[in-house]
Amino acid sequence: MQYTFFDIPILRNLLQVFCIITLKIIGWRREGQLPDVPKFVLVAAPHTSNWDFPIGMAVMLAFKMNLHWLGKNSLFRWPFGIFLKWLGGIPVNRAKSGDVVAQIVQSFKEKTRLIMVVAPEGTRKKVAHWKTGFYYIAKGANVPIALGFLDYVRKVGGFGPTFMPSGNIEHDMQKIRDFYDSITGKCPDRSSPATISPTSL
């Protein structure tokens, strides 16, 4: 994992204060508790708008999280790529998703603390199924999955349930679906149900 601003305590503290103030100004508030575990995969959903990134980052930084997140490699073009990596971003080649899962699992095994944020929808557009990489990263690394959210109706962002993947992905996805059914994204018509493709089983 690359060096990020999270590794600089004074910057992390200043940004936390800035994000808390910014969220209050725009009318958003935090909900839930940062999971009390050193390593976990954080699901970021629903993902329906470009606004999800700045608001989501503000919420996460307000919790003082030291995090990394996955993004499509086209986002990391020069000159913005340097800044996005400094914010914890990791470019992903979607054509090699299996390799990415293995690399992230290895990173979890090598580190004593790691929070990896993944948006399973993979795009702002409506899709038929979620990508399952987040699940297999957590299962392979033996770390819990935390459900992060942005609810634009209530203007609340934060954490829902945290659980260990059981290995029965259909059962676990039902728990995830039950939680996100009550969460409304900025563009509800683009929201994708938390379902998986039969070919993922």
C-alpha atoms as a PDB file:
ATOM      1  CA  MET A   1       0.000   0.000   0.000  1.00  0.00           C
ATOM      2  CA  GLN A   2       1.229   3.470  -0.860  1.00  0.00           C
ATOM      3  CA  TYR A   3       1.941   6.285   1.602  1.00  0.00           C
ATOM      4  CA  THR A   4      -1.142   8.465   2.221  1.00  0.00           C
ATOM      5  CA  PHE A   5      -2.036  11.591   4.147  1.00  0.00           C
ATOM      6  CA  PHE A   6      -3.622   9.306   6.797  1.00  0.00           C
ATOM      7  CA  ASP A   7      -0.049   8.551   7.874  1.00  0.00           C
ATOM      8  CA  ILE A   8       0.437  12.216   8.870  1.00  0.00           C
ATOM      9  CA  PRO A   9      -1.386  12.703  12.220  1.00  0.00           C
ATOM     10  CA  ILE A  10      -1.622  16.507  12.084  1.00  0.00           C
ATOM     11  CA  LEU A  11      -3.187  16.436   8.598  1.00  0.00           C
ATOM     12  CA  ARG A  12      -5.593  13.693   9.625  1.00  0.00           C
ATOM     13  CA  ASN A  13      -6.704  15.680  12.670  1.00  0.00           C
ATOM     14  CA  LEU A  14      -7.137  18.917  10.710  1.00  0.00           C
ATOM     15  CA  LEU A  15      -9.143  17.175   8.009  1.00  0.00           C
ATOM     16  CA  GLN A  16     -11.370  15.529  10.588  1.00  0.00           C
ATOM     17  CA  VAL A  17     -12.309  18.937  12.016  1.00  0.00           C
ATOM     18  CA  PHE A  18     -12.775  20.376   8.517  1.00  0.00           C
ATOM     19  CA  CYS A  19     -15.049  17.485   7.473  1.00  0.00           C
ATOM     20  CA  ILE A  20     -17.163  17.652  10.636  1.00  0.00           C
ATOM     21  CA  ILE A  21     -17.750  21.381  10.058  1.00  0.00           C
ATOM     22  CA  THR A  22     -18.441  20.873   6.343  1.00  0.00           C
ATOM     23  CA  LEU A  23     -21.020  18.155   7.021  1.00  0.00           C
ATOM     24  CA  LYS A  24     -22.832  20.437   9.463  1.00  0.00           C
ATOM     25  CA  ILE A  25     -22.861  23.290   6.954  1.00  0.00           C
ATOM     26  CA  ILE A  26     -24.416  21.118   4.210  1.00  0.00           C
ATOM     27  CA  GLY A  27     -26.889  19.574   6.661  1.00  0.00           C
ATOM     28  CA  TRP A  28     -25.456  16.081   6.922  1.00  0.00           C
ATOM     29  CA  ARG A  29     -24.787  14.102  10.083  1.00  0.00           C
ATOM     30  CA  ARG A  30     -22.996  10.923  11.087  1.00  0.00           C
ATOM     31  CA  GLU A  31     -24.681   7.775  12.360  1.00  0.00           C
ATOM     32  CA  GLY A  32     -23.337   4.545  13.827  1.00  0.00           C
ATOM     33  CA  GLN A  33     -19.972   3.614  15.247  1.00  0.00           C
ATOM     34  CA  LEU A  34     -16.628   2.926  13.601  1.00  0.00           C
ATOM     35  CA  PRO A  35     -16.139  -0.860  13.988  1.00  0.00           C
ATOM     36  CA  ASP A  36     -13.823  -1.606  16.899  1.00  0.00           C
ATOM     37  CA  VAL A  37     -11.611  -3.965  14.905  1.00  0.00           C
ATOM     38  CA  PRO A  38      -8.222  -3.240  13.294  1.00  0.00           C
ATOM     39  CA  LYS A  39      -9.077  -4.664   9.873  1.00  0.00           C
ATOM     40  CA  PHE A  40     -12.288  -4.855   7.851  1.00  0.00           C
ATOM     41  CA  VAL A  41     -13.838  -4.430   4.401  1.00  0.00           C
ATOM     42  CA  LEU A  42     -16.227  -1.470   4.227  1.00  0.00           C
ATOM     43  CA  VAL A  43     -19.061  -1.687   1.700  1.00  0.00           C
ATOM     44  CA  ALA A  44     -19.906   1.732   0.212  1.00  0.00           C
ATOM     45  CA  ALA A  45     -23.481   1.752  -1.105  1.00  0.00           C
ATOM     46  CA  PRO A  46     -25.660   2.777  -2.767  1.00  0.00           C
ATOM     47  CA  HIS A  47     -23.460   4.375  -5.420  1.00  0.00           C
ATOM     48  CA  THR A  48     -25.647   6.455  -7.748  1.00  0.00           C
ATOM     49  CA  SER A  49     -23.962   9.857  -8.107  1.00  0.00           C
ATOM     50  CA  ASN A  50     -20.640  11.682  -8.400  1.00  0.00           C
ATOM     51  CA  TRP A  51     -21.568  13.333  -5.097  1.00  0.00           C
ATOM     52  CA  ASP A  52     -21.096  10.009  -3.298  1.00  0.00           C
ATOM     53  CA  PHE A  53     -17.325  10.379  -3.357  1.00  0.00           C
ATOM     54  CA  PRO A  54     -16.899  13.827  -1.731  1.00  0.00           C
ATOM     55  CA  ILE A  55     -19.715  13.315   0.773  1.00  0.00           C
ATOM     56  CA  GLY A  56     -18.609   9.770   1.520  1.00  0.00           C
ATOM     57  CA  MET A  57     -15.010  10.870   2.037  1.00  0.00           C
ATOM     58  CA  ALA A  58     -16.156  13.669   4.343  1.00  0.00           C
ATOM     59  CA  VAL A  59     -18.167  11.210   6.435  1.00  0.00           C
ATOM     60  CA  MET A  60     -15.297   8.724   6.637  1.00  0.00           C
ATOM     61  CA  LEU A  61     -12.740  11.388   7.502  1.00  0.00           C
ATOM     62  CA  ALA A  62     -15.094  12.754  10.178  1.00  0.00           C
ATOM     63  CA  PHE A  63     -14.837   9.306  11.777  1.00  0.00           C
ATOM     64  CA  LYS A  64     -11.032   9.707  11.571  1.00  0.00           C
ATOM     65  CA  MET A  65     -10.686   6.568   9.506  1.00  0.00           C
ATOM     66  CA  ASN A  66      -7.350   5.487   8.077  1.00  0.00           C
ATOM     67  CA  LEU A  67      -8.647   3.940   4.896  1.00  0.00           C
ATOM     68  CA  HIS A  68      -7.899   2.735   1.394  1.00  0.00           C
ATOM     69  CA  TRP A  69     -10.414   2.497  -1.421  1.00  0.00           C
ATOM     70  CA  LEU A  70     -10.648   0.842  -4.826  1.00  0.00           C
ATOM     71  CA  GLY A  71     -11.425   2.811  -7.992  1.00  0.00           C
ATOM     72  CA  LYS A  72     -11.372   2.101 -11.716  1.00  0.00           C
ATOM     73  CA  ASN A  73      -7.941   2.793 -13.174  1.00  0.00           C
ATOM     74  CA  SER A  74      -9.286   5.455 -15.572  1.00  0.00           C
ATOM     75  CA  LEU A  75      -9.851   7.743 -12.559  1.00  0.00           C
ATOM     76  CA  PHE A  76      -6.133   7.798 -11.793  1.00  0.00           C
ATOM     77  CA  ARG A  77      -4.890   9.584 -14.906  1.00  0.00           C
ATOM     78  CA  TRP A  78      -2.327  12.339 -14.480  1.00  0.00           C
ATOM     79  CA  PRO A  79      -2.423  14.753 -12.736  1.00  0.00           C
ATOM     80  CA  PHE A  80      -5.347  13.726 -10.511  1.00  0.00           C
ATOM     81  CA  GLY A  81      -4.022  10.205  -9.981  1.00  0.00           C
ATOM     82  CA  ILE A  82      -1.276  11.371  -7.640  1.00  0.00           C
ATOM     83  CA  PHE A  83      -3.782  13.191  -5.434  1.00  0.00           C
ATOM     84  CA  LEU A  84      -6.291  10.317  -5.439  1.00  0.00           C
ATOM     85  CA  LYS A  85      -3.591   7.848  -4.410  1.00  0.00           C
ATOM     86  CA  TRP A  86      -2.578  10.231  -1.634  1.00  0.00           C
ATOM     87  CA  LEU A  87      -6.216  10.023  -0.460  1.00  0.00           C
ATOM     88  CA  GLY A  88      -5.895   6.244  -0.204  1.00  0.00           C
ATOM     89  CA  GLY A  89      -7.086   5.333  -3.697  1.00  0.00           C
ATOM     90  CA  ILE A  90      -5.924   2.131  -5.387  1.00  0.00           C
ATOM     91  CA  PRO A  91      -6.462   1.819  -9.162  1.00  0.00           C
ATOM     92  CA  VAL A  92      -8.180  -1.379 -10.278  1.00  0.00           C
ATOM     93  CA  ASN A  93      -8.101  -3.062 -13.683  1.00  0.00           C
ATOM     94  CA  ARG A  94     -11.602  -4.542 -13.926  1.00  0.00           C
ATOM     95  CA  ALA A  95     -10.396  -7.081 -16.480  1.00  0.00           C
ATOM     96  CA  LYS A  96      -8.191  -8.641 -13.785  1.00  0.00           C
ATOM     97  CA  SER A  97     -10.565  -8.634 -10.800  1.00  0.00           C
ATOM     98  CA  GLY A  98      -9.342 -12.022  -9.567  1.00  0.00           C
ATOM     99  CA  ASP A  99      -5.791 -10.705  -9.322  1.00  0.00           C
ATOM    100  CA  VAL A 100      -7.031  -7.664  -7.384  1.00  0.00           C
ATOM    101  CA  VAL A 101      -8.836  -9.852  -4.835  1.00  0.00           C
ATOM    102  CA  ALA A 102      -5.703 -11.920  -4.259  1.00  0.00           C
ATOM    103  CA  GLN A 103      -3.531  -8.803  -3.899  1.00  0.00           C
ATOM    104  CA  ILE A 104      -5.861  -7.163  -1.381  1.00  0.00           C
ATOM    105  CA  VAL A 105      -6.190 -10.394   0.627  1.00  0.00           C
ATOM    106  CA  GLN A 106      -2.394 -10.538   0.830  1.00  0.00           C
ATOM    107  CA  SER A 107      -2.260  -6.914   1.967  1.00  0.00           C
ATOM    108  CA  PHE A 108      -4.708  -7.706   4.774  1.00  0.00           C
ATOM    109  CA  LYS A 109      -2.534 -10.605   5.881  1.00  0.00           C
ATOM    110  CA  GLU A 110       0.604  -8.455   5.898  1.00  0.00           C
ATOM    111  CA  LYS A 111      -0.823  -5.472   7.792  1.00  0.00           C
ATOM    112  CA  THR A 112      -1.898  -5.139  11.413  1.00  0.00           C
ATOM    113  CA  ARG A 113      -4.448  -2.442  10.541  1.00  0.00           C
ATOM    114  CA  LEU A 114      -6.303  -1.963   7.266  1.00  0.00           C
ATOM    115  CA  ILE A 115      -9.704  -0.608   6.215  1.00  0.00           C
ATOM    116  CA  MET A 116     -10.545  -1.294   2.569  1.00  0.00           C
ATOM    117  CA  VAL A 117     -13.540   0.544   1.085  1.00  0.00           C
ATOM    118  CA  VAL A 118     -15.279  -1.132  -1.875  1.00  0.00           C
ATOM    119  CA  ALA A 119     -18.311   0.004  -3.907  1.00  0.00           C
ATOM    120  CA  PRO A 120     -19.777  -3.342  -5.089  1.00  0.00           C
ATOM    121  CA  GLU A 121     -21.978  -1.749  -7.736  1.00  0.00           C
ATOM    122  CA  GLY A 122     -18.800  -0.684  -9.539  1.00  0.00           C
ATOM    123  CA  THR A 123     -20.540   2.177 -11.356  1.00  0.00           C
ATOM    124  CA  ARG A 124     -23.066   4.975 -10.840  1.00  0.00           C
ATOM    125  CA  LYS A 125     -25.408   3.328 -13.345  1.00  0.00           C
ATOM    126  CA  LYS A 126     -28.033   0.751 -12.419  1.00  0.00           C
ATOM    127  CA  VAL A 127     -26.664  -2.789 -12.723  1.00  0.00           C
ATOM    128  CA  ALA A 128     -28.320  -6.196 -12.468  1.00  0.00           C
ATOM    129  CA  HIS A 129     -25.927  -7.575  -9.853  1.00  0.00           C
ATOM    130  CA  TRP A 130     -23.276  -6.460  -7.386  1.00  0.00           C
ATOM    131  CA  LYS A 131     -19.654  -7.441  -7.921  1.00  0.00           C
ATOM    132  CA  THR A 132     -18.619 -10.007  -5.310  1.00  0.00           C
ATOM    133  CA  GLY A 133     -14.960  -9.031  -4.890  1.00  0.00           C
ATOM    134  CA  PHE A 134     -15.648  -7.314  -1.552  1.00  0.00           C
ATOM    135  CA  TYR A 135     -17.065 -10.551  -0.155  1.00  0.00           C
ATOM    136  CA  TYR A 136     -14.206 -12.773  -1.283  1.00  0.00           C
ATOM    137  CA  ILE A 137     -11.634 -10.274  -0.036  1.00  0.00           C
ATOM    138  CA  ALA A 138     -13.196 -10.398   3.435  1.00  0.00           C
ATOM    139  CA  LYS A 139     -13.578 -14.185   3.357  1.00  0.00           C
ATOM    140  CA  GLY A 140     -10.043 -14.777   2.102  1.00  0.00           C
ATOM    141  CA  ALA A 141      -8.519 -12.378   4.634  1.00  0.00           C
ATOM    142  CA  ASN A 142     -10.789 -13.603   7.463  1.00  0.00           C
ATOM    143  CA  VAL A 143     -11.922 -10.070   8.306  1.00  0.00           C
ATOM    144  CA  PRO A 144     -15.425  -8.674   8.899  1.00  0.00           C
ATOM    145  CA  ILE A 145     -17.601  -6.774   6.451  1.00  0.00           C
ATOM    146  CA  ALA A 146     -18.989  -3.417   7.614  1.00  0.00           C
ATOM    147  CA  LEU A 147     -21.936  -1.841   5.799  1.00  0.00           C
ATOM    148  CA  GLY A 148     -21.322   1.829   5.080  1.00  0.00           C
ATOM    149  CA  PHE A 149     -24.049   4.047   3.667  1.00  0.00           C
ATOM    150  CA  LEU A 150     -25.149   7.481   2.486  1.00  0.00           C
ATOM    151  CA  ASP A 151     -28.886   8.113   2.867  1.00  0.00           C
ATOM    152  CA  TYR A 152     -29.764  11.240   0.888  1.00  0.00           C
ATOM    153  CA  VAL A 153     -33.348  11.391   2.179  1.00  0.00           C
ATOM    154  CA  ARG A 154     -32.273  11.680   5.820  1.00  0.00           C
ATOM    155  CA  LYS A 155     -28.900  13.270   4.915  1.00  0.00           C
ATOM    156  CA  VAL A 156     -27.109  10.752   7.096  1.00  0.00           C
ATOM    157  CA  GLY A 157     -23.939   8.776   6.436  1.00  0.00           C
ATOM    158  CA  GLY A 158     -22.133   6.226   8.515  1.00  0.00           C
ATOM    159  CA  PHE A 159     -22.105   2.601   9.562  1.00  0.00           C
ATOM    160  CA  GLY A 160     -24.714  -0.133   9.673  1.00  0.00           C
ATOM    161  CA  PRO A 161     -24.118  -3.732  10.795  1.00  0.00           C
ATOM    162  CA  THR A 162     -20.735  -5.451  10.827  1.00  0.00           C
ATOM    163  CA  PHE A 163     -20.482  -9.226  10.398  1.00  0.00           C
ATOM    164  CA  MET A 164     -18.060 -12.004   9.508  1.00  0.00           C
ATOM    165  CA  PRO A 165     -18.719 -13.634   6.110  1.00  0.00           C
ATOM    166  CA  SER A 166     -20.112 -17.107   6.752  1.00  0.00           C
ATOM    167  CA  GLY A 167     -19.064 -18.606   3.434  1.00  0.00           C
ATOM    168  CA  ASN A 168     -22.733 -18.871   2.396  1.00  0.00           C
ATOM    169  CA  ILE A 169     -22.780 -15.845   0.128  1.00  0.00           C
ATOM    170  CA  GLU A 170     -26.498 -16.099  -0.692  1.00  0.00           C
ATOM    171  CA  HIS A 171     -27.401 -16.025   3.003  1.00  0.00           C
ATOM    172  CA  ASP A 172     -25.022 -13.149   3.733  1.00  0.00           C
ATOM    173  CA  MET A 173     -26.237 -11.151   0.751  1.00  0.00           C
ATOM    174  CA  GLN A 174     -29.768 -11.394   2.087  1.00  0.00           C
ATOM    175  CA  LYS A 175     -28.624  -9.663   5.303  1.00  0.00           C
ATOM    176  CA  ILE A 176     -26.914  -6.991   3.223  1.00  0.00           C
ATOM    177  CA  ARG A 177     -30.009  -6.547   1.052  1.00  0.00           C
ATOM    178  CA  ASP A 178     -32.275  -6.207   4.103  1.00  0.00           C
ATOM    179  CA  PHE A 179     -30.122  -3.342   5.384  1.00  0.00           C
ATOM    180  CA  TYR A 180     -29.777  -1.388   2.136  1.00  0.00           C
ATOM    181  CA  ASP A 181     -33.482  -1.715   1.270  1.00  0.00           C
ATOM    182  CA  SER A 182     -34.113   1.189   3.670  1.00  0.00           C
ATOM    183  CA  ILE A 183     -31.288   3.404   2.324  1.00  0.00           C
ATOM    184  CA  THR A 184     -31.949   5.916  -0.473  1.00  0.00           C
ATOM    185  CA  GLY A 185     -29.183   7.075  -2.808  1.00  0.00           C
ATOM    186  CA  LYS A 186     -29.073  10.498  -4.462  1.00  0.00           C
ATOM    187  CA  CYS A 187     -30.508   9.053  -7.696  1.00  0.00           C
ATOM    188  CA  PRO A 188     -32.861   6.246  -6.556  1.00  0.00           C
ATOM    189  CA  ASP A 189     -33.610   5.183 -10.130  1.00  0.00           C
ATOM    190  CA  ARG A 190     -29.944   4.152 -10.451  1.00  0.00           C
ATOM    191  CA  SER A 191     -29.851   2.080  -7.246  1.00  0.00           C
ATOM    192  CA  SER A 192     -28.909  -1.545  -7.795  1.00  0.00           C
ATOM    193  CA  PRO A 193     -30.301  -4.295  -5.539  1.00  0.00           C
ATOM    194  CA  ALA A 194     -27.769  -6.214  -3.458  1.00  0.00           C
ATOM    195  CA  THR A 195     -27.984  -9.379  -5.526  1.00  0.00           C
ATOM    196  CA  ILE A 196     -25.334 -11.571  -7.109  1.00  0.00           C
ATOM    197  CA  SER A 197     -25.158 -13.263 -10.464  1.00  0.00           C
ATOM    198  CA  PRO A 198     -25.817 -17.031 -10.423  1.00  0.00           C
ATOM    199  CA  THR A 199     -22.426 -17.434 -12.124  1.00  0.00           C
ATOM    200  CA  SER A 200     -20.766 -15.966  -8.994  1.00  0.00           C
ATOM    201  CA  LEU A 201     -21.810 -18.958  -6.881  1.00  0.00           C
END
